[in-house]
C-alpha atoms as a PDB file:
ATOM      1  CA  MET A   1     103.904  95.454 102.215  1.00  0.00           C
ATOM      2  CA  GLN A   2     102.944  92.098 100.400  1.00  0.00           C
ATOM      3  CA  THR A   3     106.654  91.776  99.170  1.00  0.00           C
ATOM      4  CA  TRP A   4     107.929  91.950 102.588  1.00  0.00           C
ATOM      5  CA  LEU A   5     105.273  89.501 104.062  1.00  0.00           C
ATOM      6  CA  VAL A   6     106.049  86.987 101.239  1.00  0.00           C
ATOM      7  CA  HIS A   7     109.679  87.005 101.768  1.00  0.00           C
ATOM      8  CA  MET A   8     109.257  86.921 105.560  1.00  0.00           C
ATOM      9  CA  ARG A   9     107.360  83.602 105.368  1.00  0.00           C
ATOM     10  CA  ALA A  10     110.763  81.962 105.264  1.00  0.00           C
ATOM     11  CA  PRO A  11     113.166  84.374 106.894  1.00  0.00           C
ATOM     12  CA  ALA A  12     115.955  81.773 107.280  1.00  0.00           C
ATOM     13  CA  ARG A  13     115.901  81.009 103.556  1.00  0.00           C
ATOM     14  CA  VAL A  14     116.044  84.738 102.785  1.00  0.00           C
ATOM     15  CA  TRP A  15     118.953  85.169 105.198  1.00  0.00           C
ATOM     16  CA  ARG A  16     120.840  82.179 103.507  1.00  0.00           C
ATOM     17  CA  GLU A  17     120.095  83.573  99.949  1.00  0.00           C
ATOM     18  CA  LEU A  18     120.898  87.141 100.672  1.00  0.00           C
ATOM     19  CA  GLY A  19     123.425  86.953 103.341  1.00  0.00           C
ATOM     20  CA  PRO A  20     123.357  88.991 106.598  1.00  0.00           C
ATOM     21  CA  SER A  21     124.084  92.376 104.865  1.00  0.00           C
ATOM     22  CA  GLY A  22     121.429  91.666 102.105  1.00  0.00           C
ATOM     23  CA  PHE A  23     118.938  90.543 104.668  1.00  0.00           C
ATOM     24  CA  VAL A  24     119.319  93.716 106.736  1.00  0.00           C
ATOM     25  CA  THR A  25     119.281  95.905 103.579  1.00  0.00           C
ATOM     26  CA  MET A  26     116.030  94.149 102.474  1.00  0.00           C
ATOM     27  CA  GLN A  27     114.570  94.776 106.011  1.00  0.00           C
ATOM     28  CA  LEU A  28     115.414  98.430 105.887  1.00  0.00           C
ATOM     29  CA  VAL A  29     114.507  99.213 102.249  1.00  0.00           C
ATOM     30  CA  VAL A  30     111.258  96.967 101.927  1.00  0.00           C
ATOM     31  CA  GLY A  31     110.173  96.687 105.483  1.00  0.00           C
ATOM     32  CA  GLY A  32     111.377 100.188 106.575  1.00  0.00           C
ATOM     33  CA  THR A  33     109.723 101.899 103.560  1.00  0.00           C
ATOM     34  CA  VAL A  34     106.366 100.305 104.640  1.00  0.00           C
ATOM     35  CA  LEU A  35     106.836 100.981 108.301  1.00  0.00           C
ATOM     36  CA  SER A  36     107.800 104.570 107.886  1.00  0.00           C
ATOM     37  CA  ALA A  37     104.795 105.244 105.752  1.00  0.00           C
ATOM     38  CA  LEU A  38     102.635 103.690 108.471  1.00  0.00           C
ATOM     39  CA  VAL A  39     104.073 105.528 111.412  1.00  0.00           C
ATOM     40  CA  HIS A  40     104.668 108.883 109.691  1.00  0.00           C
ATOM     41  CA  PRO A  41     101.135 110.441 110.381  1.00  0.00           C
ATOM     42  CA  LEU A  42     101.240 109.158 114.040  1.00  0.00           C
ATOM     43  CA  PHE A  43     104.701 110.745 114.651  1.00  0.00           C
ATOM     44  CA  LEU A  44     103.700 113.965 112.779  1.00  0.00           C
ATOM     45  CA  ILE A  45     100.572 114.320 115.004  1.00  0.00           C
ATOM     46  CA  ALA A  46     102.465 113.768 118.164  1.00  0.00           C
ATOM     47  CA  PHE A  47     105.084 116.258 117.108  1.00  0.00           C
ATOM     48  CA  ALA A  48     102.479 118.895 115.948  1.00  0.00           C
ATOM     49  CA  LEU A  49     100.638 118.482 119.198  1.00  0.00           C
ATOM     50  CA  GLU A  50     103.798 118.968 121.106  1.00  0.00           C
ATOM     51  CA  ALA A  51     104.709 121.926 118.965  1.00  0.00           C
ATOM     52  CA  ALA A  52     101.205 123.426 119.381  1.00  0.00           C
ATOM     53  CA  SER A  53     101.306 122.992 123.139  1.00  0.00           C
ATOM     54  CA  GLY A  54     104.643 124.963 123.364  1.00  0.00           C
ATOM     55  CA  GLY A  55     106.308 121.727 124.507  1.00  0.00           C
ATOM     56  CA  LEU A  56     109.100 121.881 122.169  1.00  0.00           C
ATOM     57  CA  LEU A  57     110.258 125.278 123.647  1.00  0.00           C
ATOM     58  CA  ASN A  58     109.667 124.503 127.123  1.00  0.00           C
ATOM     59  CA  ASN A  59     112.578 123.674 129.300  1.00  0.00           C
ATOM     60  CA  ARG A  60     111.771 120.106 130.203  1.00  0.00           C
ATOM     61  CA  GLY A  61     115.240 119.174 130.987  1.00  0.00           C
ATOM     62  CA  LEU A  62     117.812 117.507 128.815  1.00  0.00           C
ATOM     63  CA  VAL A  63     115.737 114.386 127.892  1.00  0.00           C
ATOM     64  CA  GLY A  64     112.889 116.574 126.764  1.00  0.00           C
ATOM     65  CA  MET A  65     115.161 118.796 124.745  1.00  0.00           C
ATOM     66  CA  LEU A  66     116.790 115.846 123.130  1.00  0.00           C
ATOM     67  CA  VAL A  67     113.448 114.188 122.167  1.00  0.00           C
ATOM     68  CA  ALA A  68     112.386 117.479 120.561  1.00  0.00           C
ATOM     69  CA  ALA A  69     115.619 117.783 118.789  1.00  0.00           C
ATOM     70  CA  VAL A  70     115.646 114.186 117.473  1.00  0.00           C
ATOM     71  CA  SER A  71     111.947 114.451 116.271  1.00  0.00           C
ATOM     72  CA  GLY A  72     112.506 117.786 114.547  1.00  0.00           C
ATOM     73  CA  THR A  73     115.781 116.485 112.984  1.00  0.00           C
ATOM     74  CA  THR A  74     114.050 113.226 111.812  1.00  0.00           C
ATOM     75  CA  PHE A  75     111.239 115.025 110.058  1.00  0.00           C
ATOM     76  CA  ALA A  76     113.600 117.607 108.431  1.00  0.00           C
ATOM     77  CA  SER A  77     116.241 115.042 107.408  1.00  0.00           C
ATOM     78  CA  GLY A  78     113.534 112.697 106.035  1.00  0.00           C
ATOM     79  CA  TYR A  79     111.746 115.421 103.942  1.00  0.00           C
ATOM     80  CA  LEU A  80     115.166 116.775 102.833  1.00  0.00           C
ATOM     81  CA  ALA A  81     116.240 113.257 101.696  1.00  0.00           C
ATOM     82  CA  SER A  82     112.996 112.963  99.722  1.00  0.00           C
ATOM     83  CA  VAL A  83     113.545 116.309  98.136  1.00  0.00           C
ATOM     84  CA  MET A  84     117.127 115.612  97.291  1.00  0.00           C
ATOM     85  CA  LEU A  85     116.164 112.219  95.537  1.00  0.00           C
ATOM     86  CA  GLY A  86     113.436 113.843  93.819  1.00  0.00           C
ATOM     87  CA  ALA A  87     115.819 116.731  92.504  1.00  0.00           C
ATOM     88  CA  VAL A  88     118.261 114.117  91.446  1.00  0.00           C
ATOM     89  CA  GLY A  89     115.583 112.239  89.460  1.00  0.00           C
ATOM     90  CA  LEU A  90     114.331 115.444  87.924  1.00  0.00           C
ATOM     91  CA  ALA A  91     117.843 116.554  86.981  1.00  0.00           C
ATOM     92  CA  ARG A  92     118.516 113.068  85.343  1.00  0.00           C
ATOM     93  CA  ARG A  93     115.377 113.435  83.258  1.00  0.00           C
ATOM     94  CA  ARG A  94     116.096 117.049  82.397  1.00  0.00           C
ATOM     95  CA  LEU A  95     112.929 118.171  84.226  1.00  0.00           C
ATOM     96  CA  LEU A  96     114.259 120.634  86.644  1.00  0.00           C
ATOM     97  CA  SER A  97     111.716 123.101  85.608  1.00  0.00           C
ATOM     98  CA  SER A  98     109.136 120.989  87.576  1.00  0.00           C
ATOM     99  CA  ALA A  99     111.150 121.146  90.771  1.00  0.00           C
ATOM    100  CA  TRP A 100     108.673 123.346  92.374  1.00  0.00           C
ATOM    101  CA  VAL A 101     106.599 120.169  93.102  1.00  0.00           C
ATOM    102  CA  LEU A 102     109.252 119.142  95.566  1.00  0.00           C
ATOM    103  CA  LEU A 103     107.839 121.711  97.998  1.00  0.00           C
ATOM    104  CA  LEU A 104     104.803 119.378  98.223  1.00  0.00           C
ATOM    105  CA  VAL A 105     106.952 116.513  99.812  1.00  0.00           C
ATOM    106  CA  PRO A 106     105.148 116.698 103.204  1.00  0.00           C
ATOM    107  CA  VAL A 107     101.847 116.415 101.430  1.00  0.00           C
ATOM    108  CA  HIS A 108     103.224 113.483  99.257  1.00  0.00           C
ATOM    109  CA  TRP A 109     104.136 111.778 102.620  1.00  0.00           C
ATOM    110  CA  LEU A 110     100.772 112.195 104.049  1.00  0.00           C
ATOM    111  CA  LEU A 111      99.257 110.743 100.943  1.00  0.00           C
ATOM    112  CA  LEU A 112     101.748 107.793 100.950  1.00  0.00           C
ATOM    113  CA  SER A 113     100.810 107.245 104.450  1.00  0.00           C
ATOM    114  CA  LEU A 114      97.182 107.203 103.630  1.00  0.00           C
ATOM    115  CA  ALA A 115      97.736 104.620 100.798  1.00  0.00           C
ATOM    116  CA  ALA A 116      99.871 102.522 103.130  1.00  0.00           C
ATOM    117  CA  TRP A 117      97.124 102.303 105.771  1.00  0.00           C
ATOM    118  CA  GLN A 118      94.581 101.628 103.067  1.00  0.00           C
ATOM    119  CA  ALA A 119      96.728  98.702 101.761  1.00  0.00           C
ATOM    120  CA  ALA A 120      97.289  97.370 105.332  1.00  0.00           C
ATOM    121  CA  ILE A 121      93.343  97.461 105.887  1.00  0.00           C
ATOM    122  CA  LYS A 122      92.786  95.800 102.598  1.00  0.00           C
ATOM    123  CA  LEU A 123      95.484  93.136 103.264  1.00  0.00           C
ATOM    124  CA  VAL A 124      93.671  92.203 106.537  1.00  0.00           C
ATOM    125  CA  ARG A 125      90.061  92.318 105.114  1.00  0.00           C
ATOM    126  CA  ASP A 126      90.714  90.699 101.750  1.00  0.00           C
ATOM    127  CA  PRO A 127      94.268  89.220 101.447  1.00  0.00           C
ATOM    128  CA  TYR A 128      93.917  87.967  97.854  1.00  0.00           C
ATOM    129  CA  ARG A 129      92.710  91.003  96.346  1.00  0.00           C
ATOM    130  CA  TRP A 130      94.780  94.181  95.734  1.00  0.00           C
ATOM    131  CA  ASP A 131      94.876  97.310  93.658  1.00  0.00           C
ATOM    132  CA  LYS A 132      97.582  97.499  90.966  1.00  0.00           C
ATOM    133  CA  THR A 133      98.828 100.613  89.215  1.00  0.00           C
ATOM    134  CA  GLU A 134      99.924 100.465  85.551  1.00  0.00           C
ATOM    135  CA  HIS A 135     103.106 102.386  85.540  1.00  0.00           C
ATOM    136  CA  GLY A 136     104.541 104.288  82.594  1.00  0.00           C
ATOM    137  CA  CYS A 137     101.505 106.284  81.721  1.00  0.00           C
ATOM    138  CA  ALA A 138     102.795 109.865  82.489  1.00  0.00           C
ATOM    139  CA  SER A 139     103.566 112.026  79.548  1.00  0.00           C
ATOM    140  CA  THR A 140     107.348 112.039  80.646  1.00  0.00           C
ATOM    141  CA  SER A 141     107.484 108.244  80.719  1.00  0.00           C
ATOM    142  CA  ARG A 142     110.448 106.549  79.036  1.00  0.00           C
ATOM    143  CA  LEU A 143     108.057 104.196  77.247  1.00  0.00           C
ATOM    144  CA  THR A 144     108.017 104.135  73.522  1.00  0.00           C
ATOM    145  CA  PRO A 145     105.349 106.395  72.005  1.00  0.00           C
ATOM    146  CA  ARG A 146     103.351 103.333  70.933  1.00  0.00           C
ATOM    147  CA  ALA A 147     103.402 101.793  74.541  1.00  0.00           C
ATOM    148  CA  ARG A 148     102.497 105.152  75.874  1.00  0.00           C
ATOM    149  CA  SER A 149      99.537 105.607  73.565  1.00  0.00           C
ATOM    150  CA  ASP A 150      98.446 102.139  74.483  1.00  0.00           C
ATOM    151  CA  ALA A 151      98.750 102.765  78.092  1.00  0.00           C
ATOM    152  CA  THR A 152      96.732 105.931  77.973  1.00  0.00           C
ATOM    153  CA  SER A 153      93.832 104.539  75.710  1.00  0.00           C
ATOM    154  CA  GLN A 154      90.384 103.865  76.981  1.00  0.00           C
ATOM    155  CA  PRO A 155      90.313 101.757  80.045  1.00  0.00           C
ATOM    156  CA  GLN A 156      89.320  98.099  79.510  1.00  0.00           C
ATOM    157  CA  ALA A 157      86.492  96.646  81.392  1.00  0.00           C
ATOM    158  CA  GLY A 158      87.361  96.137  85.091  1.00  0.00           C
ATOM    159  CA  HIS A 159      89.750  99.157  85.022  1.00  0.00           C
ATOM    160  CA  ILE A 160      89.327 102.490  86.811  1.00  0.00           C
ATOM    161  CA  ALA A 161      90.770 105.490  84.966  1.00  0.00           C
ATOM    162  CA  ALA A 162      92.296 108.204  87.190  1.00  0.00           C
ATOM    163  CA  GLY A 163      93.810 110.860  85.159  1.00  0.00           C
ATOM    164  CA  ASN A 164      96.723 109.297  83.330  1.00  0.00           C
ATOM    165  CA  ILE A 165      96.900 106.322  85.541  1.00  0.00           C
ATOM    166  CA  ARG A 166      94.797 103.158  85.188  1.00  0.00           C
ATOM    167  CA  LEU A 167      93.948 101.186  88.411  1.00  0.00           C
ATOM    168  CA  SER A 168      92.818  97.710  88.224  1.00  0.00           C
ATOM    169  CA  SER A 169      91.916  95.205  90.785  1.00  0.00           C
ATOM    170  CA  ALA A 170      93.736  91.917  90.689  1.00  0.00           C
ATOM    171  CA  VAL A 171      92.370  88.835  92.385  1.00  0.00           C
ATOM    172  CA  THR A 172      94.374  85.811  93.182  1.00  0.00           C
ATOM    173  CA  ARG A 173      93.674  82.655  94.930  1.00  0.00           C
ATOM    174  CA  PRO A 174      96.167  80.551  96.666  1.00  0.00           C
ATOM    175  CA  ALA A 175      97.101  77.313  94.544  1.00  0.00           C
END
């Protein structure tokens, strides 16, 4: 979210530096990821309400059927893409025995949406403060054993320990 906002302070410069295809790619990858996380629960609720009311199966004409088909296909293809990317990552790390966790992709998306909404609210309320996650703390991390043991040691003052993940709040002020 912040990455996209920082780059979009000078969109003409980003356009010149990345070129048209790079600019569009950045919008889709960086901006699209944030936007999809923010709108996912809204669309999911609308889709669920429509399904619960029987609206997906009612004959509402061609337009209604197309909307239902596009909505269902969008959710299914989005979840499937996430599962496929996860499976490729697990296969590359030789962790396919953990592939069962990919069944939780819809839950992951809801949690991702929750985090995106929390970040958006924090960004509006306190734009110079954000939560940072230290990466590489998982037992399957590619970090060296020493770096892994340093990362999972006791949290320092100002850090919040959450399982194997340490969260810290960073505060910056504009120069």
